[in-house]
Amino acid sequence: MREKGFEFGTTTGRARRCGWLDIVQLRYCHMINGWTDIAITKLDILTGFSEIKICMGYQDKQGNLLESYPASLLLLESCTVLIIPLLIDIVSMNLIAIMCL
């Protein structure tokens, strides 16, 4: 994903952090900042992927589902990320990529 999207610093050339969508973090960010719109960029780089991974929650060591972002970093470190693969219709993604050009 990083290479396909050219996610490297302009001056330093250092690789930028990239990852899949984390709905829990997005919900927390919305709660803190109260934004009403979101812009998702670089959808065209998803062309060729058969699935997109989305984090829908966290599970602690006791098996409890945490649907909100944990306040404790120690708890967050011990959690397992619950990822749901979202299958992509390749034809639709190719059309989106063409429309983004």
PDB file of N, CA and C in Angstrom:
ATOM      1  N   MET A   1       0.836  -1.184   0.000  1.00  0.00           N
ATOM      2  CA  MET A   1       0.000   0.000   0.000  1.00  0.00           C
ATOM      3  C   MET A   1       0.885   1.255   0.000  1.00  0.00           C
ATOM      4  N   ARG A   2       1.949   1.247   0.788  1.00  0.00           N
ATOM      5  CA  ARG A   2       2.825   2.410   0.895  1.00  0.00           C
ATOM      6  C   ARG A   2       3.486   2.728  -0.447  1.00  0.00           C
ATOM      7  N   GLU A   3       3.991   1.688  -1.110  1.00  0.00           N
ATOM      8  CA  GLU A   3       4.681   1.906  -2.381  1.00  0.00           C
ATOM      9  C   GLU A   3       3.703   2.356  -3.463  1.00  0.00           C
ATOM     10  N   LYS A   4       2.544   1.722  -3.494  1.00  0.00           N
ATOM     11  CA  LYS A   4       1.548   2.045  -4.515  1.00  0.00           C
ATOM     12  C   LYS A   4       1.026   3.474  -4.367  1.00  0.00           C
ATOM     13  N   GLY A   5       0.907   3.960  -3.130  1.00  0.00           N
ATOM     14  CA  GLY A   5       0.396   5.297  -2.866  1.00  0.00           C
ATOM     15  C   GLY A   5       1.487   6.354  -2.724  1.00  0.00           C
ATOM     16  N   PHE A   6       2.765   5.959  -2.903  1.00  0.00           N
ATOM     17  CA  PHE A   6       3.909   6.870  -2.778  1.00  0.00           C
ATOM     18  C   PHE A   6       3.897   7.593  -1.433  1.00  0.00           C
ATOM     19  N   GLU A   7       3.701   6.819  -0.364  1.00  0.00           N
ATOM     20  CA  GLU A   7       3.623   7.396   0.975  1.00  0.00           C
ATOM     21  C   GLU A   7       5.007   7.486   1.605  1.00  0.00           C
ATOM     22  N   PHE A   8       5.792   8.422   1.095  1.00  0.00           N
ATOM     23  CA  PHE A   8       7.138   8.694   1.586  1.00  0.00           C
ATOM     24  C   PHE A   8       7.299  10.194   1.733  1.00  0.00           C
ATOM     25  N   GLY A   9       8.048  10.616   2.741  1.00  0.00           N
ATOM     26  CA  GLY A   9       8.261  12.039   2.965  1.00  0.00           C
ATOM     27  C   GLY A   9       8.940  12.696   1.777  1.00  0.00           C
ATOM     28  N   THR A  10       8.509  13.892   1.429  1.00  0.00           N
ATOM     29  CA  THR A  10       9.057  14.603   0.275  1.00  0.00           C
ATOM     30  C   THR A  10      10.520  14.975   0.481  1.00  0.00           C
ATOM     31  N   THR A  11      10.846  15.499   1.642  1.00  0.00           N
ATOM     32  CA  THR A  11      12.214  15.950   1.912  1.00  0.00           C
ATOM     33  C   THR A  11      13.115  14.805   2.342  1.00  0.00           C
ATOM     34  N   THR A  12      12.662  14.014   3.302  1.00  0.00           N
ATOM     35  CA  THR A  12      13.516  12.975   3.883  1.00  0.00           C
ATOM     36  C   THR A  12      13.439  11.643   3.154  1.00  0.00           C
ATOM     37  N   GLY A  13      12.327  11.393   2.463  1.00  0.00           N
ATOM     38  CA  GLY A  13      12.140  10.099   1.813  1.00  0.00           C
ATOM     39  C   GLY A  13      11.747   8.999   2.794  1.00  0.00           C
ATOM     40  N   ARG A  14      11.535   9.401   4.048  1.00  0.00           N
ATOM     41  CA  ARG A  14      11.181   8.429   5.090  1.00  0.00           C
ATOM     42  C   ARG A  14       9.774   7.884   4.842  1.00  0.00           C
ATOM     43  N   ALA A  15       9.607   6.592   5.066  1.00  0.00           N
ATOM     44  CA  ALA A  15       8.311   5.948   4.858  1.00  0.00           C
ATOM     45  C   ALA A  15       7.298   6.464   5.876  1.00  0.00           C
ATOM     46  N   ARG A  16       6.093   6.786   5.391  1.00  0.00           N
ATOM     47  CA  ARG A  16       5.005   7.219   6.272  1.00  0.00           C
ATOM     48  C   ARG A  16       4.260   5.997   6.792  1.00  0.00           C
ATOM     49  N   ARG A  17       3.619   6.161   7.951  1.00  0.00           N
ATOM     50  CA  ARG A  17       2.829   5.064   8.510  1.00  0.00           C
ATOM     51  C   ARG A  17       1.524   4.949   7.731  1.00  0.00           C
ATOM     52  N   CYS A  18       1.218   3.753   7.315  1.00  0.00           N
ATOM     53  CA  CYS A  18      -0.021   3.477   6.581  1.00  0.00           C
ATOM     54  C   CYS A  18      -0.718   2.307   7.249  1.00  0.00           C
ATOM     55  N   GLY A  19      -2.002   2.264   7.121  1.00  0.00           N
ATOM     56  CA  GLY A  19      -2.731   1.139   7.686  1.00  0.00           C
ATOM     57  C   GLY A  19      -4.170   1.147   7.228  1.00  0.00           C
ATOM     58  N   TRP A  20      -4.873   0.113   7.638  1.00  0.00           N
ATOM     59  CA  TRP A  20      -6.268  -0.027   7.278  1.00  0.00           C
ATOM     60  C   TRP A  20      -7.132   0.841   8.173  1.00  0.00           C
ATOM     61  N   LEU A  21      -8.372   1.003   7.800  1.00  0.00           N
ATOM     62  CA  LEU A  21      -9.311   1.858   8.521  1.00  0.00           C
ATOM     63  C   LEU A  21      -9.657   1.260   9.880  1.00  0.00           C
ATOM     64  N   ASP A  22      -9.533   2.063  10.924  1.00  0.00           N
ATOM     65  CA  ASP A  22      -9.882   1.660  12.285  1.00  0.00           C
ATOM     66  C   ASP A  22     -11.124   2.444  12.693  1.00  0.00           C
ATOM     67  N   ILE A  23     -12.280   1.785  12.650  1.00  0.00           N
ATOM     68  CA  ILE A  23     -13.550   2.440  12.960  1.00  0.00           C
ATOM     69  C   ILE A  23     -13.586   2.929  14.404  1.00  0.00           C
ATOM     70  N   VAL A  24     -12.971   2.193  15.316  1.00  0.00           N
ATOM     71  CA  VAL A  24     -12.954   2.579  16.735  1.00  0.00           C
ATOM     72  C   VAL A  24     -12.205   3.899  16.901  1.00  0.00           C
ATOM     73  N   GLN A  25     -11.039   4.026  16.282  1.00  0.00           N
ATOM     74  CA  GLN A  25     -10.285   5.276  16.359  1.00  0.00           C
ATOM     75  C   GLN A  25     -11.024   6.406  15.671  1.00  0.00           C
ATOM     76  N   LEU A  26     -11.670   6.109  14.558  1.00  0.00           N
ATOM     77  CA  LEU A  26     -12.430   7.120  13.831  1.00  0.00           C
ATOM     78  C   LEU A  26     -13.592   7.642  14.680  1.00  0.00           C
ATOM     79  N   ARG A  27     -14.290   6.735  15.361  1.00  0.00           N
ATOM     80  CA  ARG A  27     -15.390   7.119  16.249  1.00  0.00           C
ATOM     81  C   ARG A  27     -14.874   7.985  17.412  1.00  0.00           C
ATOM     82  N   TYR A  28     -13.731   7.617  17.967  1.00  0.00           N
ATOM     83  CA  TYR A  28     -13.132   8.384  19.063  1.00  0.00           C
ATOM     84  C   TYR A  28     -12.734   9.779  18.577  1.00  0.00           C
ATOM     85  N   CYS A  29     -12.126   9.839  17.405  1.00  0.00           N
ATOM     86  CA  CYS A  29     -11.729  11.119  16.817  1.00  0.00           C
ATOM     87  C   CYS A  29     -12.939  12.010  16.601  1.00  0.00           C
ATOM     88  N   HIS A  30     -14.034  11.435  16.153  1.00  0.00           N
ATOM     89  CA  HIS A  30     -15.264  12.197  15.956  1.00  0.00           C
ATOM     90  C   HIS A  30     -15.801  12.722  17.281  1.00  0.00           C
ATOM     91  N   MET A  31     -15.747  11.884  18.312  1.00  0.00           N
ATOM     92  CA  MET A  31     -16.236  12.294  19.626  1.00  0.00           C
ATOM     93  C   MET A  31     -15.418  13.473  20.163  1.00  0.00           C
ATOM     94  N   ILE A  32     -14.117  13.427  19.996  1.00  0.00           N
ATOM     95  CA  ILE A  32     -13.226  14.476  20.508  1.00  0.00           C
ATOM     96  C   ILE A  32     -13.347  15.765  19.694  1.00  0.00           C
ATOM     97  N   ASN A  33     -13.390  15.648  18.370  1.00  0.00           N
ATOM     98  CA  ASN A  33     -13.317  16.825  17.500  1.00  0.00           C
ATOM     99  C   ASN A  33     -14.660  17.320  16.980  1.00  0.00           C
ATOM    100  N   GLY A  34     -15.656  16.449  16.943  1.00  0.00           N
ATOM    101  CA  GLY A  34     -16.991  16.858  16.520  1.00  0.00           C
ATOM    102  C   GLY A  34     -17.113  17.252  15.061  1.00  0.00           C
ATOM    103  N   TRP A  35     -16.308  16.683  14.190  1.00  0.00           N
ATOM    104  CA  TRP A  35     -16.399  17.031  12.777  1.00  0.00           C
ATOM    105  C   TRP A  35     -17.689  16.495  12.164  1.00  0.00           C
ATOM    106  N   THR A  36     -18.095  17.100  11.070  1.00  0.00           N
ATOM    107  CA  THR A  36     -19.340  16.691  10.398  1.00  0.00           C
ATOM    108  C   THR A  36     -19.079  16.018   9.050  1.00  0.00           C
ATOM    109  N   ASP A  37     -17.895  16.174   8.513  1.00  0.00           N
ATOM    110  CA  ASP A  37     -17.554  15.586   7.219  1.00  0.00           C
ATOM    111  C   ASP A  37     -16.173  14.955   7.313  1.00  0.00           C
ATOM    112  N   ILE A  38     -15.909  14.051   6.402  1.00  0.00           N
ATOM    113  CA  ILE A  38     -14.596  13.415   6.334  1.00  0.00           C
ATOM    114  C   ILE A  38     -14.221  13.264   4.863  1.00  0.00           C
ATOM    115  N   ALA A  39     -12.958  13.476   4.562  1.00  0.00           N
ATOM    116  CA  ALA A  39     -12.457  13.296   3.195  1.00  0.00           C
ATOM    117  C   ALA A  39     -11.521  12.088   3.192  1.00  0.00           C
ATOM    118  N   ILE A  40     -11.831  11.130   2.370  1.00  0.00           N
ATOM    119  CA  ILE A  40     -10.982   9.956   2.230  1.00  0.00           C
ATOM    120  C   ILE A  40     -10.289  10.075   0.886  1.00  0.00           C
ATOM    121  N   THR A  41      -8.974  10.133   0.925  1.00  0.00           N
ATOM    122  CA  THR A  41      -8.198  10.349  -0.296  1.00  0.00           C
ATOM    123  C   THR A  41      -7.506   9.056  -0.724  1.00  0.00           C
ATOM    124  N   LYS A  42      -6.997   9.080  -1.922  1.00  0.00           N
ATOM    125  CA  LYS A  42      -6.212   8.000  -2.507  1.00  0.00           C
ATOM    126  C   LYS A  42      -6.972   6.683  -2.629  1.00  0.00           C
ATOM    127  N   LEU A  43      -8.271   6.758  -2.897  1.00  0.00           N
ATOM    128  CA  LEU A  43      -9.040   5.535  -3.110  1.00  0.00           C
ATOM    129  C   LEU A  43      -8.535   4.758  -4.324  1.00  0.00           C
ATOM    130  N   ASP A  44      -7.901   5.448  -5.247  1.00  0.00           N
ATOM    131  CA  ASP A  44      -7.426   4.789  -6.459  1.00  0.00           C
ATOM    132  C   ASP A  44      -6.343   3.756  -6.176  1.00  0.00           C
ATOM    133  N   ILE A  45      -5.605   3.873  -5.075  1.00  0.00           N
ATOM    134  CA  ILE A  45      -4.556   2.885  -4.803  1.00  0.00           C
ATOM    135  C   ILE A  45      -5.126   1.544  -4.354  1.00  0.00           C
ATOM    136  N   LEU A  46      -6.417   1.512  -4.030  1.00  0.00           N
ATOM    137  CA  LEU A  46      -7.042   0.248  -3.633  1.00  0.00           C
ATOM    138  C   LEU A  46      -7.343  -0.653  -4.827  1.00  0.00           C
ATOM    139  N   THR A  47      -7.167  -0.125  -6.034  1.00  0.00           N
ATOM    140  CA  THR A  47      -7.355  -0.930  -7.231  1.00  0.00           C
ATOM    141  C   THR A  47      -6.370  -2.092  -7.197  1.00  0.00           C
ATOM    142  N   GLY A  48      -6.869  -3.282  -7.391  1.00  0.00           N
ATOM    143  CA  GLY A  48      -6.010  -4.462  -7.366  1.00  0.00           C
ATOM    144  C   GLY A  48      -6.106  -5.237  -6.060  1.00  0.00           C
ATOM    145  N   PHE A  49      -6.606  -4.609  -4.989  1.00  0.00           N
ATOM    146  CA  PHE A  49      -6.816  -5.322  -3.737  1.00  0.00           C
ATOM    147  C   PHE A  49      -8.134  -6.091  -3.823  1.00  0.00           C
ATOM    148  N   SER A  50      -8.138  -7.309  -3.332  1.00  0.00           N
ATOM    149  CA  SER A  50      -9.380  -8.087  -3.346  1.00  0.00           C
ATOM    150  C   SER A  50     -10.192  -7.865  -2.074  1.00  0.00           C
ATOM    151  N   GLU A  51      -9.540  -7.313  -1.038  1.00  0.00           N
ATOM    152  CA  GLU A  51     -10.252  -7.006   0.196  1.00  0.00           C
ATOM    153  C   GLU A  51      -9.600  -5.844   0.914  1.00  0.00           C
ATOM    154  N   ILE A  52     -10.400  -5.153   1.709  1.00  0.00           N
ATOM    155  CA  ILE A  52      -9.924  -4.074   2.575  1.00  0.00           C
ATOM    156  C   ILE A  52     -10.179  -4.536   4.001  1.00  0.00           C
ATOM    157  N   LYS A  53      -9.201  -4.366   4.872  1.00  0.00           N
ATOM    158  CA  LYS A  53      -9.359  -4.785   6.266  1.00  0.00           C
ATOM    159  C   LYS A  53      -9.810  -3.593   7.105  1.00  0.00           C
ATOM    160  N   ILE A  54     -10.849  -3.806   7.917  1.00  0.00           N
ATOM    161  CA  ILE A  54     -11.409  -2.744   8.745  1.00  0.00           C
ATOM    162  C   ILE A  54     -11.457  -3.220  10.183  1.00  0.00           C
ATOM    163  N   CYS A  55     -10.889  -2.419  11.089  1.00  0.00           N
ATOM    164  CA  CYS A  55     -10.953  -2.732  12.518  1.00  0.00           C
ATOM    165  C   CYS A  55     -12.309  -2.286  13.042  1.00  0.00           C
ATOM    166  N   MET A  56     -13.058  -3.234  13.613  1.00  0.00           N
ATOM    167  CA  MET A  56     -14.388  -2.933  14.136  1.00  0.00           C
ATOM    168  C   MET A  56     -14.433  -2.908  15.653  1.00  0.00           C
ATOM    169  N   GLY A  57     -13.358  -3.301  16.324  1.00  0.00           N
ATOM    170  CA  GLY A  57     -13.340  -3.307  17.779  1.00  0.00           C
ATOM    171  C   GLY A  57     -12.064  -3.913  18.311  1.00  0.00           C
ATOM    172  N   TYR A  58     -11.974  -3.959  19.614  1.00  0.00           N
ATOM    173  CA  TYR A  58     -10.842  -4.555  20.305  1.00  0.00           C
ATOM    174  C   TYR A  58     -11.369  -5.573  21.299  1.00  0.00           C
ATOM    175  N   GLN A  59     -10.581  -6.613  21.555  1.00  0.00           N
ATOM    176  CA  GLN A  59     -10.968  -7.626  22.527  1.00  0.00           C
ATOM    177  C   GLN A  59      -9.867  -7.723  23.572  1.00  0.00           C
ATOM    178  N   ASP A  60     -10.257  -7.622  24.857  1.00  0.00           N
ATOM    179  CA  ASP A  60      -9.256  -7.709  25.911  1.00  0.00           C
ATOM    180  C   ASP A  60      -8.927  -9.179  26.207  1.00  0.00           C
ATOM    181  N   LYS A  61      -7.975  -9.389  27.128  1.00  0.00           N
ATOM    182  CA  LYS A  61      -7.518 -10.749  27.428  1.00  0.00           C
ATOM    183  C   LYS A  61      -8.612 -11.639  27.998  1.00  0.00           C
ATOM    184  N   GLN A  62      -9.620 -11.042  28.626  1.00  0.00           N
ATOM    185  CA  GLN A  62     -10.726 -11.811  29.195  1.00  0.00           C
ATOM    186  C   GLN A  62     -11.796 -12.146  28.149  1.00  0.00           C
ATOM    187  N   GLY A  63     -11.622 -11.644  26.936  1.00  0.00           N
ATOM    188  CA  GLY A  63     -12.568 -11.921  25.866  1.00  0.00           C
ATOM    189  C   GLY A  63     -13.682 -10.900  25.741  1.00  0.00           C
ATOM    190  N   ASN A  64     -13.605  -9.816  26.520  1.00  0.00           N
ATOM    191  CA  ASN A  64     -14.619  -8.760  26.453  1.00  0.00           C
ATOM    192  C   ASN A  64     -14.406  -7.907  25.207  1.00  0.00           C
ATOM    193  N   LEU A  65     -15.487  -7.606  24.520  1.00  0.00           N
ATOM    194  CA  LEU A  65     -15.424  -6.753  23.340  1.00  0.00           C
ATOM    195  C   LEU A  65     -15.453  -5.297  23.761  1.00  0.00           C
ATOM    196  N   LEU A  66     -14.445  -4.541  23.326  1.00  0.00           N
ATOM    197  CA  LEU A  66     -14.379  -3.105  23.604  1.00  0.00           C
ATOM    198  C   LEU A  66     -14.743  -2.380  22.315  1.00  0.00           C
ATOM    199  N   GLU A  67     -15.895  -1.762  22.293  1.00  0.00           N
ATOM    200  CA  GLU A  67     -16.331  -1.055  21.088  1.00  0.00           C
ATOM    201  C   GLU A  67     -15.956   0.411  21.118  1.00  0.00           C
ATOM    202  N   SER A  68     -15.398   0.866  22.246  1.00  0.00           N
ATOM    203  CA  SER A  68     -14.892   2.231  22.325  1.00  0.00           C
ATOM    204  C   SER A  68     -13.398   2.163  22.609  1.00  0.00           C
ATOM    205  N   TYR A  69     -12.731   3.245  22.307  1.00  0.00           N
ATOM    206  CA  TYR A  69     -11.285   3.299  22.461  1.00  0.00           C
ATOM    207  C   TYR A  69     -10.916   3.249  23.940  1.00  0.00           C
ATOM    208  N   PRO A  70     -10.042   2.315  24.363  1.00  0.00           N
ATOM    209  CA  PRO A  70      -9.701   2.212  25.782  1.00  0.00           C
ATOM    210  C   PRO A  70      -8.901   3.418  26.265  1.00  0.00           C
ATOM    211  N   ALA A  71      -9.196   3.867  27.476  1.00  0.00           N
ATOM    212  CA  ALA A  71      -8.512   5.024  28.050  1.00  0.00           C
ATOM    213  C   ALA A  71      -7.101   4.672  28.509  1.00  0.00           C
ATOM    214  N   SER A  72      -6.858   3.419  28.808  1.00  0.00           N
ATOM    215  CA  SER A  72      -5.570   2.977  29.319  1.00  0.00           C
ATOM    216  C   SER A  72      -4.711   2.410  28.189  1.00  0.00           C
ATOM    217  N   LEU A  73      -3.491   2.921  28.059  1.00  0.00           N
ATOM    218  CA  LEU A  73      -2.572   2.389  27.049  1.00  0.00           C
ATOM    219  C   LEU A  73      -2.175   0.951  27.373  1.00  0.00           C
ATOM    220  N   LEU A  74      -2.099   0.627  28.668  1.00  0.00           N
ATOM    221  CA  LEU A  74      -1.777  -0.752  29.061  1.00  0.00           C
ATOM    222  C   LEU A  74      -2.863  -1.715  28.584  1.00  0.00           C
ATOM    223  N   LEU A  75      -4.115  -1.304  28.724  1.00  0.00           N
ATOM    224  CA  LEU A  75      -5.225  -2.128  28.241  1.00  0.00           C
ATOM    225  C   LEU A  75      -5.180  -2.237  26.719  1.00  0.00           C
ATOM    226  N   LEU A  76      -4.920  -1.141  26.053  1.00  0.00           N
ATOM    227  CA  LEU A  76      -4.858  -1.145  24.587  1.00  0.00           C
ATOM    228  C   LEU A  76      -3.753  -2.075  24.087  1.00  0.00           C
ATOM    229  N   GLU A  77      -2.593  -2.045  24.751  1.00  0.00           N
ATOM    230  CA  GLU A  77      -1.476  -2.911  24.355  1.00  0.00           C
ATOM    231  C   GLU A  77      -1.821  -4.387  24.466  1.00  0.00           C
ATOM    232  N   SER A  78      -2.672  -4.730  25.414  1.00  0.00           N
ATOM    233  CA  SER A  78      -2.998  -6.133  25.642  1.00  0.00           C
ATOM    234  C   SER A  78      -4.182  -6.614  24.795  1.00  0.00           C
ATOM    235  N   CYS A  79      -4.799  -5.727  24.074  1.00  0.00           N
ATOM    236  CA  CYS A  79      -5.988  -6.085  23.287  1.00  0.00           C
ATOM    237  C   CYS A  79      -5.623  -6.738  21.962  1.00  0.00           C
ATOM    238  N   THR A  80      -6.560  -7.528  21.474  1.00  0.00           N
ATOM    239  CA  THR A  80      -6.493  -8.096  20.138  1.00  0.00           C
ATOM    240  C   THR A  80      -7.407  -7.266  19.250  1.00  0.00           C
ATOM    241  N   VAL A  81      -6.921  -6.928  18.071  1.00  0.00           N
ATOM    242  CA  VAL A  81      -7.711  -6.131  17.130  1.00  0.00           C
ATOM    243  C   VAL A  81      -8.669  -7.051  16.387  1.00  0.00           C
ATOM    244  N   LEU A  82      -9.940  -6.663  16.339  1.00  0.00           N
ATOM    245  CA  LEU A  82     -10.946  -7.438  15.608  1.00  0.00           C
ATOM    246  C   LEU A  82     -11.099  -6.838  14.212  1.00  0.00           C
ATOM    247  N   ILE A  83     -10.577  -7.543  13.242  1.00  0.00           N
ATOM    248  CA  ILE A  83     -10.559  -7.050  11.865  1.00  0.00           C
ATOM    249  C   ILE A  83     -11.578  -7.814  11.033  1.00  0.00           C
ATOM    250  N   ILE A  84     -12.341  -7.070  10.272  1.00  0.00           N
ATOM    251  CA  ILE A  84     -13.321  -7.651   9.359  1.00  0.00           C
ATOM    252  C   ILE A  84     -12.850  -7.354   7.934  1.00  0.00           C
ATOM    253  N   PRO A  85     -12.653  -8.398   7.124  1.00  0.00           N
ATOM    254  CA  PRO A  85     -12.281  -8.141   5.731  1.00  0.00           C
ATOM    255  C   PRO A  85     -13.514  -7.731   4.926  1.00  0.00           C
ATOM    256  N   LEU A  86     -13.371  -6.665   4.181  1.00  0.00           N
ATOM    257  CA  LEU A  86     -14.440  -6.188   3.307  1.00  0.00           C
ATOM    258  C   LEU A  86     -14.040  -6.539   1.880  1.00  0.00           C
ATOM    259  N   LEU A  87     -14.778  -7.441   1.273  1.00  0.00           N
ATOM    260  CA  LEU A  87     -14.454  -7.866  -0.087  1.00  0.00           C
ATOM    261  C   LEU A  87     -14.759  -6.747  -1.067  1.00  0.00           C
ATOM    262  N   ILE A  88     -13.906  -6.612  -2.055  1.00  0.00           N
ATOM    263  CA  ILE A  88     -14.040  -5.537  -3.031  1.00  0.00           C
ATOM    264  C   ILE A  88     -14.443  -6.112  -4.381  1.00  0.00           C
ATOM    265  N   ASP A  89     -15.389  -5.452  -5.000  1.00  0.00           N
ATOM    266  CA  ASP A  89     -15.742  -5.767  -6.378  1.00  0.00           C
ATOM    267  C   ASP A  89     -14.694  -5.089  -7.257  1.00  0.00           C
ATOM    268  N   ILE A  90     -13.815  -5.887  -7.862  1.00  0.00           N
ATOM    269  CA  ILE A  90     -12.681  -5.356  -8.627  1.00  0.00           C
ATOM    270  C   ILE A  90     -13.141  -4.431  -9.747  1.00  0.00           C
ATOM    271  N   VAL A  91     -14.223  -4.769 -10.426  1.00  0.00           N
ATOM    272  CA  VAL A  91     -14.714  -3.935 -11.527  1.00  0.00           C
ATOM    273  C   VAL A  91     -15.097  -2.555 -10.995  1.00  0.00           C
ATOM    274  N   SER A  92     -15.798  -2.500  -9.866  1.00  0.00           N
ATOM    275  CA  SER A  92     -16.201  -1.215  -9.295  1.00  0.00           C
ATOM    276  C   SER A  92     -14.995  -0.387  -8.895  1.00  0.00           C
ATOM    277  N   MET A  93     -13.982  -1.022  -8.298  1.00  0.00           N
ATOM    278  CA  MET A  93     -12.786  -0.280  -7.893  1.00  0.00           C
ATOM    279  C   MET A  93     -12.050   0.270  -9.107  1.00  0.00           C
ATOM    280  N   ASN A  94     -12.017  -0.480 -10.192  1.00  0.00           N
ATOM    281  CA  ASN A  94     -11.376   0.021 -11.402  1.00  0.00           C
ATOM    282  C   ASN A  94     -12.112   1.238 -11.941  1.00  0.00           C
ATOM    283  N   LEU A  95     -13.448   1.215 -11.871  1.00  0.00           N
ATOM    284  CA  LEU A  95     -14.232   2.379 -12.307  1.00  0.00           C
ATOM    285  C   LEU A  95     -13.975   3.583 -11.413  1.00  0.00           C
ATOM    286  N   ILE A  96     -13.889   3.359 -10.095  1.00  0.00           N
ATOM    287  CA  ILE A  96     -13.594   4.459  -9.164  1.00  0.00           C
ATOM    288  C   ILE A  96     -12.222   5.035  -9.476  1.00  0.00           C
ATOM    289  N   ALA A  97     -11.240   4.181  -9.749  1.00  0.00           N
ATOM    290  CA  ALA A  97      -9.895   4.646 -10.058  1.00  0.00           C
ATOM    291  C   ALA A  97      -9.891   5.519 -11.308  1.00  0.00           C
ATOM    292  N   ILE A  98     -10.650   5.126 -12.303  1.00  0.00           N
ATOM    293  CA  ILE A  98     -10.732   5.903 -13.543  1.00  0.00           C
ATOM    294  C   ILE A  98     -11.379   7.266 -13.267  1.00  0.00           C
ATOM    295  N   MET A  99     -12.418   7.280 -12.435  1.00  0.00           N
ATOM    296  CA  MET A  99     -13.114   8.532 -12.119  1.00  0.00           C
ATOM    297  C   MET A  99     -12.231   9.474 -11.295  1.00  0.00           C
ATOM    298  N   CYS A 100     -11.241   8.913 -10.550  1.00  0.00           N
ATOM    299  CA  CYS A 100     -10.368   9.734  -9.720  1.00  0.00           C
ATOM    300  C   CYS A 100      -9.280  10.426 -10.544  1.00  0.00           C
ATOM    301  N   LEU A 101      -9.044   9.969 -11.753  1.00  0.00           N
ATOM    302  CA  LEU A 101      -7.957  10.547 -12.571  1.00  0.00           C
ATOM    303  C   LEU A 101      -8.288  11.929 -13.058  1.00  0.00           C
TER     304      LEU A 101
END
